[in-house]
Amino acid sequence: MLLVRKLNLHIGPILLASALIIGAAVWQGYASWQNQRSVSGSSVPGLVIGSAAAAIILFELLLWPRKALRRIRLFKTKAWMAYHIWLGLACGPLAFIHAGYRFGGSFTTVLMGLLFFVLASGVYGWILQIVIPRWMLEHLPQETVASQIEDVSILNALEARQMLMVSLGPKPDGTASLESLDAVADSMRGSSLIRDSERNVEAIVVGARQRRLPSRRAAETPIQGIASDEERLEIWKGYASVIEPFLLHGSQRVGQLATPQRSKEWFQLLRQSSSAVCGPLLDRLESWVSQRQQFEMQRRAQAWLHGWIGFHAGASILLGVLLIAHIITAIRYW
């Protein structure tokens, strides 16, 4: 999103990258015309252009220590990233011009191939950073802070238990056992005790909203009537064996609710075995399941968003090592 909205930050880097490529191509072409043959990287233009490409690669690698030393404000991060993108893209053409539009021997071919792989991975990550946040904004309205997904899920499970206890009574015998969550809830990250004149309330901040533990819901019940013993048993059984494990662990443990379509079919079957009086209760349970599904999709999207960085960083470091070896070899045989 930043790369699209802040186009003014990219004008300078684009002009600089374009000037470097055009200037290098003109100089190399003029030197080749003077020598009646394509000059190589050992010529004066080739050395200067190659040095410029190597300097850009060094600048690109400085992004990682720059992030580690972000307290030292040498350069605005947004502007640094803009130069990182466009000078990095210019590095490929400059390296190719430096080599006289040839790949050369085995080592230089590997070096050039690795360089273009690094550039391709960078472009791929750039596209992901534009596309995925937009997709998440449109399709995941209930996303939360990634580090609080488990906390919010535990709160939902505790609130669901309380709702079922109030609406249907205690969990019947013969249903799956429930995990102990009290100790986990007491030690959850981000929770804090809020005191007022009447009561103590446990609260957790999720994004811009505040979610409270289910004590305040004790008097609320979505059932306007009395459910039969069969309905109580079926709903508690479905909750204990399917719904709560999914709320707490996602699709890694329960696959029946992994997708919206499968979840819709599963709840439809549960509704068929229940009367209309249980409809509001099932609607609320389904809303919590839908939220957990969005959390699962959020995690996958963020894995795509951040997963490429490891490949890009690793390939960049390897490129830097091979570049140093290339420079040493070139100096020895120059």
Protein backbone atom coordinates (compact mmCIF):
# COMPACT_ATOMS: atom_id res chain seq x y z
CA MET A 1 0.00 0.00 0.00
CA LEU A 2 2.85 2.36 0.84
CA LEU A 3 4.44 1.88 -2.58
CA VAL A 4 1.22 2.89 -4.31
CA ARG A 5 0.20 5.82 -2.12
CA LYS A 6 3.63 7.45 -1.73
CA LEU A 7 4.60 7.71 -5.38
CA ASN A 8 6.35 11.01 -4.75
CA LEU A 9 8.95 9.09 -2.72
CA HIS A 10 9.79 6.99 -5.78
CA ILE A 11 10.34 9.75 -8.33
CA GLY A 12 13.92 10.46 -7.25
CA PRO A 13 15.00 6.80 -7.12
CA ILE A 14 13.37 6.09 -10.49
CA LEU A 15 15.18 9.01 -12.12
CA LEU A 16 18.50 7.99 -10.55
CA ALA A 17 18.13 4.35 -11.60
CA SER A 18 17.14 5.35 -15.13
CA ALA A 19 20.08 7.75 -15.42
CA LEU A 20 22.52 5.04 -14.29
CA ILE A 21 21.21 2.49 -16.80
CA ILE A 22 21.05 4.92 -19.71
CA GLY A 23 24.44 6.44 -18.89
CA ALA A 24 26.07 3.02 -18.57
CA ALA A 25 24.54 1.78 -21.84
CA VAL A 26 25.64 4.90 -23.73
CA TRP A 27 29.17 4.80 -22.32
CA GLN A 28 29.60 1.08 -23.00
CA GLY A 29 28.18 1.49 -26.49
CA TYR A 30 30.47 4.42 -27.27
CA ALA A 31 33.55 2.52 -25.98
CA SER A 32 32.57 -0.52 -28.04
CA TRP A 33 32.17 1.68 -31.15
CA GLN A 34 35.62 3.20 -30.57
CA ASN A 35 37.24 -0.22 -30.15
CA GLN A 36 35.27 -1.79 -32.99
CA ARG A 37 34.20 -4.56 -30.62
CA SER A 38 32.13 -5.01 -27.50
CA VAL A 39 34.25 -4.03 -24.49
CA SER A 40 34.31 -6.40 -21.52
CA GLY A 41 34.21 -5.88 -17.79
CA SER A 42 38.00 -5.38 -17.66
CA SER A 43 37.78 -2.13 -19.67
CA VAL A 44 37.53 1.26 -18.00
CA PRO A 45 33.78 1.61 -18.68
CA GLY A 46 33.27 -1.99 -17.60
CA LEU A 47 35.15 -1.47 -14.33
CA VAL A 48 33.28 1.74 -13.50
CA ILE A 49 29.89 0.26 -14.34
CA GLY A 50 30.72 -2.95 -12.45
CA SER A 51 31.83 -0.90 -9.45
CA ALA A 52 28.53 0.98 -9.54
CA ALA A 53 26.61 -2.31 -9.61
CA ALA A 54 28.72 -3.67 -6.72
CA ALA A 55 28.13 -0.49 -4.72
CA ILE A 56 24.38 -0.87 -5.24
CA ILE A 57 24.51 -4.48 -4.03
CA LEU A 58 26.38 -3.31 -0.92
CA PHE A 59 23.75 -0.60 -0.39
CA GLU A 60 20.99 -3.22 -0.75
CA LEU A 61 22.63 -5.42 1.89
CA LEU A 62 22.78 -2.46 4.28
CA LEU A 63 18.99 -2.59 4.59
CA TRP A 64 19.27 -5.39 7.18
CA PRO A 65 21.63 -3.57 9.60
CA ARG A 66 19.60 -0.43 8.88
CA LYS A 67 16.52 -2.19 10.31
CA ALA A 68 18.51 -3.37 13.32
CA LEU A 69 19.74 0.19 13.96
CA ARG A 70 16.45 1.93 13.28
CA ARG A 71 16.93 4.14 16.33
CA ILE A 72 19.74 5.88 14.47
CA ARG A 73 17.73 7.92 12.00
CA LEU A 74 20.23 8.23 9.20
CA PHE A 75 17.58 8.24 6.51
CA LYS A 76 13.81 7.97 6.49
CA THR A 77 12.77 4.34 6.24
CA LYS A 78 10.24 5.01 3.47
CA ALA A 79 12.81 6.81 1.34
CA TRP A 80 15.43 4.14 2.04
CA MET A 81 13.01 1.45 0.90
CA ALA A 82 12.23 3.37 -2.29
CA TYR A 83 15.92 3.57 -3.17
CA HIS A 84 16.32 -0.10 -2.19
CA ILE A 85 13.66 -1.10 -4.71
CA TRP A 86 14.65 0.98 -7.72
CA LEU A 87 18.43 0.85 -7.37
CA GLY A 88 18.09 -2.89 -6.84
CA LEU A 89 16.15 -3.19 -10.11
CA ALA A 90 18.81 -1.10 -11.85
CA CYS A 91 21.56 -3.40 -10.58
CA GLY A 92 20.60 -6.20 -13.00
CA PRO A 93 20.92 -4.16 -16.20
CA LEU A 94 24.11 -2.51 -14.91
CA ALA A 95 25.71 -5.92 -14.22
CA PHE A 96 24.70 -7.14 -17.68
CA ILE A 97 26.14 -4.00 -19.31
CA HIS A 98 29.31 -4.38 -17.22
CA ALA A 99 29.77 -7.91 -18.63
CA GLY A 100 29.44 -6.63 -22.20
CA TYR A 101 25.96 -8.15 -22.57
CA ARG A 102 27.42 -11.62 -22.00
CA PHE A 103 27.19 -14.13 -19.18
CA GLY A 104 30.82 -15.19 -19.47
CA GLY A 105 32.24 -18.30 -17.82
CA SER A 106 30.69 -20.68 -15.31
CA PHE A 107 31.30 -18.58 -12.23
CA THR A 108 30.05 -15.32 -13.73
CA THR A 109 27.02 -17.14 -15.17
CA VAL A 110 26.13 -18.44 -11.71
CA LEU A 111 26.69 -14.97 -10.25
CA MET A 112 24.49 -13.34 -12.87
CA GLY A 113 21.78 -15.98 -12.46
CA LEU A 114 21.80 -15.50 -8.68
CA LEU A 115 21.56 -11.75 -9.13
CA PHE A 116 18.45 -12.04 -11.30
CA PHE A 117 16.96 -14.56 -8.84
CA VAL A 118 17.41 -12.01 -6.04
CA LEU A 119 15.77 -9.33 -8.19
CA ALA A 120 12.88 -11.64 -9.07
CA SER A 121 12.31 -12.55 -5.41
CA GLY A 122 12.34 -8.86 -4.51
CA VAL A 123 9.73 -8.04 -7.17
CA TYR A 124 7.66 -11.00 -5.96
CA GLY A 125 7.75 -9.69 -2.39
CA TRP A 126 6.92 -6.18 -3.58
CA ILE A 127 3.80 -7.48 -5.34
CA LEU A 128 2.79 -9.48 -2.26
CA GLN A 129 3.09 -6.40 -0.05
CA ILE A 130 0.70 -4.55 -2.34
CA VAL A 131 -1.83 -7.32 -3.00
CA ILE A 132 -2.14 -9.23 0.30
CA PRO A 133 -2.89 -6.28 2.66
CA ARG A 134 -5.64 -5.15 0.29
CA TRP A 135 -7.07 -8.66 0.14
CA MET A 136 -6.99 -8.97 3.93
CA LEU A 137 -8.72 -5.61 4.33
CA GLU A 138 -11.55 -6.68 2.01
CA HIS A 139 -11.99 -10.34 3.02
CA LEU A 140 -10.93 -10.53 6.67
CA PRO A 141 -12.96 -7.88 8.53
CA GLN A 142 -12.41 -9.66 11.88
CA GLU A 143 -8.62 -9.96 11.68
CA THR A 144 -6.73 -9.08 14.83
CA VAL A 145 -3.16 -8.59 15.96
CA ALA A 146 -1.36 -11.81 14.99
CA SER A 147 0.18 -12.27 18.45
CA GLN A 148 -3.28 -12.12 20.05
CA ILE A 149 -5.05 -14.71 17.89
CA GLU A 150 -4.75 -17.43 20.54
CA ASP A 151 -5.82 -15.05 23.31
CA VAL A 152 -8.94 -13.96 21.44
CA SER A 153 -9.76 -17.59 20.60
CA ILE A 154 -9.52 -18.56 24.28
CA LEU A 155 -11.81 -15.67 25.20
CA ASN A 156 -14.33 -16.81 22.60
CA ALA A 157 -14.22 -20.38 23.95
CA LEU A 158 -14.73 -19.18 27.53
CA GLU A 159 -17.62 -16.98 26.45
CA ALA A 160 -19.16 -19.83 24.44
CA ARG A 161 -18.95 -22.15 27.46
CA GLN A 162 -20.67 -19.59 29.66
CA MET A 163 -23.38 -19.03 27.05
CA LEU A 164 -24.08 -22.75 26.79
CA MET A 165 -24.12 -23.14 30.57
CA VAL A 166 -26.68 -20.35 30.91
CA SER A 167 -28.77 -21.42 27.91
CA LEU A 168 -28.61 -25.22 28.11
CA GLY A 169 -27.36 -26.03 31.57
CA PRO A 170 -24.26 -28.03 32.53
CA LYS A 171 -22.51 -30.20 29.98
CA PRO A 172 -24.21 -33.62 29.90
CA ASP A 173 -22.34 -36.83 30.59
CA GLY A 174 -21.25 -38.77 27.55
CA THR A 175 -19.87 -35.75 25.68
CA ALA A 176 -16.21 -35.04 24.97
CA SER A 177 -14.23 -33.49 27.81
CA LEU A 178 -13.28 -29.80 27.63
CA GLU A 179 -9.78 -28.42 28.02
CA SER A 180 -8.93 -26.53 31.19
CA LEU A 181 -8.66 -22.86 30.22
CA ASP A 182 -8.82 -21.01 33.54
CA ALA A 183 -5.05 -21.00 34.15
CA VAL A 184 -4.40 -20.04 30.53
CA ALA A 185 -6.88 -17.18 30.69
CA ASP A 186 -5.29 -15.81 33.87
CA SER A 187 -1.85 -15.68 32.28
CA MET A 188 -2.83 -14.45 28.81
CA ARG A 189 -0.61 -11.85 27.23
CA GLY A 190 -2.21 -8.45 26.88
CA SER A 191 -4.81 -8.96 29.63
CA SER A 192 -5.05 -6.48 32.45
CA LEU A 193 -7.26 -6.10 35.53
CA ILE A 194 -9.55 -3.06 35.38
CA ARG A 195 -11.00 -2.01 38.72
CA ASP A 196 -14.11 0.10 39.22
CA SER A 197 -16.40 0.81 42.13
CA GLU A 198 -18.55 -2.28 41.59
CA ARG A 199 -16.48 -5.14 40.22
CA ASN A 200 -13.20 -6.38 38.79
CA VAL A 201 -13.24 -6.94 35.05
CA GLU A 202 -10.57 -8.74 33.04
CA ALA A 203 -10.00 -7.10 29.64
CA ILE A 204 -7.89 -7.62 26.55
CA VAL A 205 -7.26 -5.06 23.85
CA VAL A 206 -7.69 -6.36 20.31
CA GLY A 207 -6.80 -3.80 17.64
CA ALA A 208 -8.92 -0.75 18.33
CA ARG A 209 -11.57 -2.75 20.23
CA GLN A 210 -11.78 -4.11 23.74
CA ARG A 211 -12.83 -7.68 24.45
CA ARG A 212 -13.87 -8.69 27.98
CA LEU A 213 -13.98 -12.02 29.71
CA PRO A 214 -17.43 -13.59 29.70
CA SER A 215 -18.47 -12.67 33.25
CA ARG A 216 -20.45 -9.74 31.86
CA ARG A 217 -22.40 -12.12 29.60
CA ALA A 218 -23.70 -14.30 32.41
CA ALA A 219 -27.16 -12.70 32.33
CA GLU A 220 -27.38 -12.79 28.53
CA THR A 221 -28.86 -15.78 26.75
CA PRO A 222 -29.76 -16.09 23.07
CA ILE A 223 -32.43 -18.75 23.78
CA GLN A 224 -35.98 -17.50 24.17
CA GLY A 225 -37.52 -20.76 25.30
CA ILE A 226 -36.61 -24.18 26.64
CA ALA A 227 -34.51 -26.65 24.69
CA SER A 228 -35.26 -30.34 24.97
CA ASP A 229 -32.84 -32.82 26.50
CA GLU A 230 -32.05 -34.21 23.03
CA GLU A 231 -31.24 -30.74 21.72
CA ARG A 232 -29.06 -29.99 24.74
CA LEU A 233 -27.15 -33.22 24.20
CA GLU A 234 -26.64 -32.68 20.46
CA ILE A 235 -25.46 -29.07 20.82
CA TRP A 236 -23.15 -29.81 23.74
CA LYS A 237 -21.78 -32.85 21.91
CA GLY A 238 -21.10 -30.80 18.76
CA TYR A 239 -19.55 -28.00 20.78
CA ALA A 240 -17.26 -30.21 22.87
CA SER A 241 -16.05 -32.44 20.03
CA VAL A 242 -15.93 -30.02 17.09
CA ILE A 243 -16.58 -26.33 17.80
CA GLU A 244 -14.34 -25.69 20.80
CA PRO A 245 -11.35 -27.68 19.45
CA PHE A 246 -11.62 -25.60 16.29
CA LEU A 247 -11.88 -22.34 18.24
CA LEU A 248 -8.77 -23.23 20.23
CA HIS A 249 -6.62 -24.97 17.64
CA GLY A 250 -8.02 -24.12 14.21
CA SER A 251 -8.02 -26.51 11.29
CA GLN A 252 -4.86 -28.29 12.52
CA ARG A 253 -7.08 -30.42 14.77
CA VAL A 254 -10.63 -30.14 13.35
CA GLY A 255 -11.24 -30.25 9.61
CA GLN A 256 -15.04 -30.17 9.58
CA LEU A 257 -15.03 -26.38 10.05
CA ALA A 258 -11.89 -25.55 8.07
CA THR A 259 -13.69 -23.70 5.25
CA PRO A 260 -16.84 -21.54 5.24
CA GLN A 261 -18.64 -24.01 2.96
CA ARG A 262 -17.89 -27.05 5.16
CA SER A 263 -18.77 -25.05 8.25
CA LYS A 264 -22.10 -24.00 6.73
CA GLU A 265 -22.94 -27.62 5.91
CA TRP A 266 -21.96 -28.81 9.40
CA PHE A 267 -24.08 -26.17 11.17
CA GLN A 268 -26.96 -26.89 8.82
CA LEU A 269 -26.96 -30.51 9.96
CA LEU A 270 -26.85 -29.38 13.59
CA ARG A 271 -29.79 -27.03 12.99
CA GLN A 272 -31.79 -29.84 11.46
CA SER A 273 -31.48 -31.78 14.72
CA SER A 274 -32.53 -28.72 16.78
CA SER A 275 -35.67 -26.61 17.00
CA ALA A 276 -35.96 -22.96 16.04
CA VAL A 277 -35.58 -21.96 19.68
CA CYS A 278 -31.87 -22.86 19.46
CA GLY A 279 -31.30 -20.83 16.27
CA PRO A 280 -29.87 -17.67 17.93
CA LEU A 281 -27.47 -19.76 20.01
CA LEU A 282 -26.21 -21.64 16.95
CA ASP A 283 -25.89 -18.34 15.06
CA ARG A 284 -23.58 -16.99 17.76
CA LEU A 285 -21.49 -20.15 17.80
CA GLU A 286 -21.21 -20.00 14.02
CA SER A 287 -20.07 -16.37 14.20
CA TRP A 288 -17.19 -17.40 16.50
CA VAL A 289 -16.28 -20.21 14.13
CA SER A 290 -16.31 -17.73 11.23
CA GLN A 291 -13.95 -15.46 13.15
CA ARG A 292 -11.54 -18.33 13.80
CA GLN A 293 -11.65 -19.21 10.08
CA GLN A 294 -10.62 -15.65 9.31
CA PHE A 295 -7.78 -15.96 11.83
CA GLU A 296 -6.61 -19.09 9.98
CA MET A 297 -6.71 -17.26 6.64
CA GLN A 298 -4.92 -14.30 8.23
CA ARG A 299 -2.09 -16.57 9.36
CA ARG A 300 -1.74 -18.12 5.92
CA ALA A 301 -1.76 -14.70 4.26
CA GLN A 302 0.89 -13.39 6.64
CA ALA A 303 2.97 -16.52 6.04
CA TRP A 304 2.90 -15.71 2.32
CA LEU A 305 3.60 -12.07 3.10
CA HIS A 306 6.67 -12.75 5.22
CA GLY A 307 7.82 -16.16 4.02
CA TRP A 308 9.59 -14.85 0.93
CA ILE A 309 11.91 -12.69 3.05
CA GLY A 310 13.99 -15.69 4.13
CA PHE A 311 14.69 -16.72 0.53
CA HIS A 312 15.37 -13.13 -0.52
CA ALA A 313 17.70 -12.42 2.41
CA GLY A 314 19.57 -15.73 2.09
CA ALA A 315 20.07 -15.33 -1.64
CA SER A 316 21.17 -11.71 -1.13
CA ILE A 317 23.82 -12.71 1.40
CA LEU A 318 25.08 -15.48 -0.89
CA LEU A 319 25.19 -12.95 -3.73
CA GLY A 320 27.31 -10.63 -1.59
CA VAL A 321 29.76 -13.43 -0.78
CA LEU A 322 30.10 -14.46 -4.45
CA LEU A 323 30.49 -10.82 -5.46
CA ILE A 324 33.44 -10.42 -3.10
CA ALA A 325 35.01 -13.56 -4.58
CA HIS A 326 34.40 -12.16 -8.08
CA ILE A 327 36.05 -8.85 -7.18
CA ILE A 328 39.10 -10.59 -5.66
CA THR A 329 39.45 -12.83 -8.71
CA ALA A 330 39.11 -9.86 -11.08
CA ILE A 331 41.80 -7.89 -9.22
CA ARG A 332 44.20 -10.83 -9.28
CA TYR A 333 43.92 -11.30 -13.04
CA TRP A 334 43.49 -7.67 -14.10
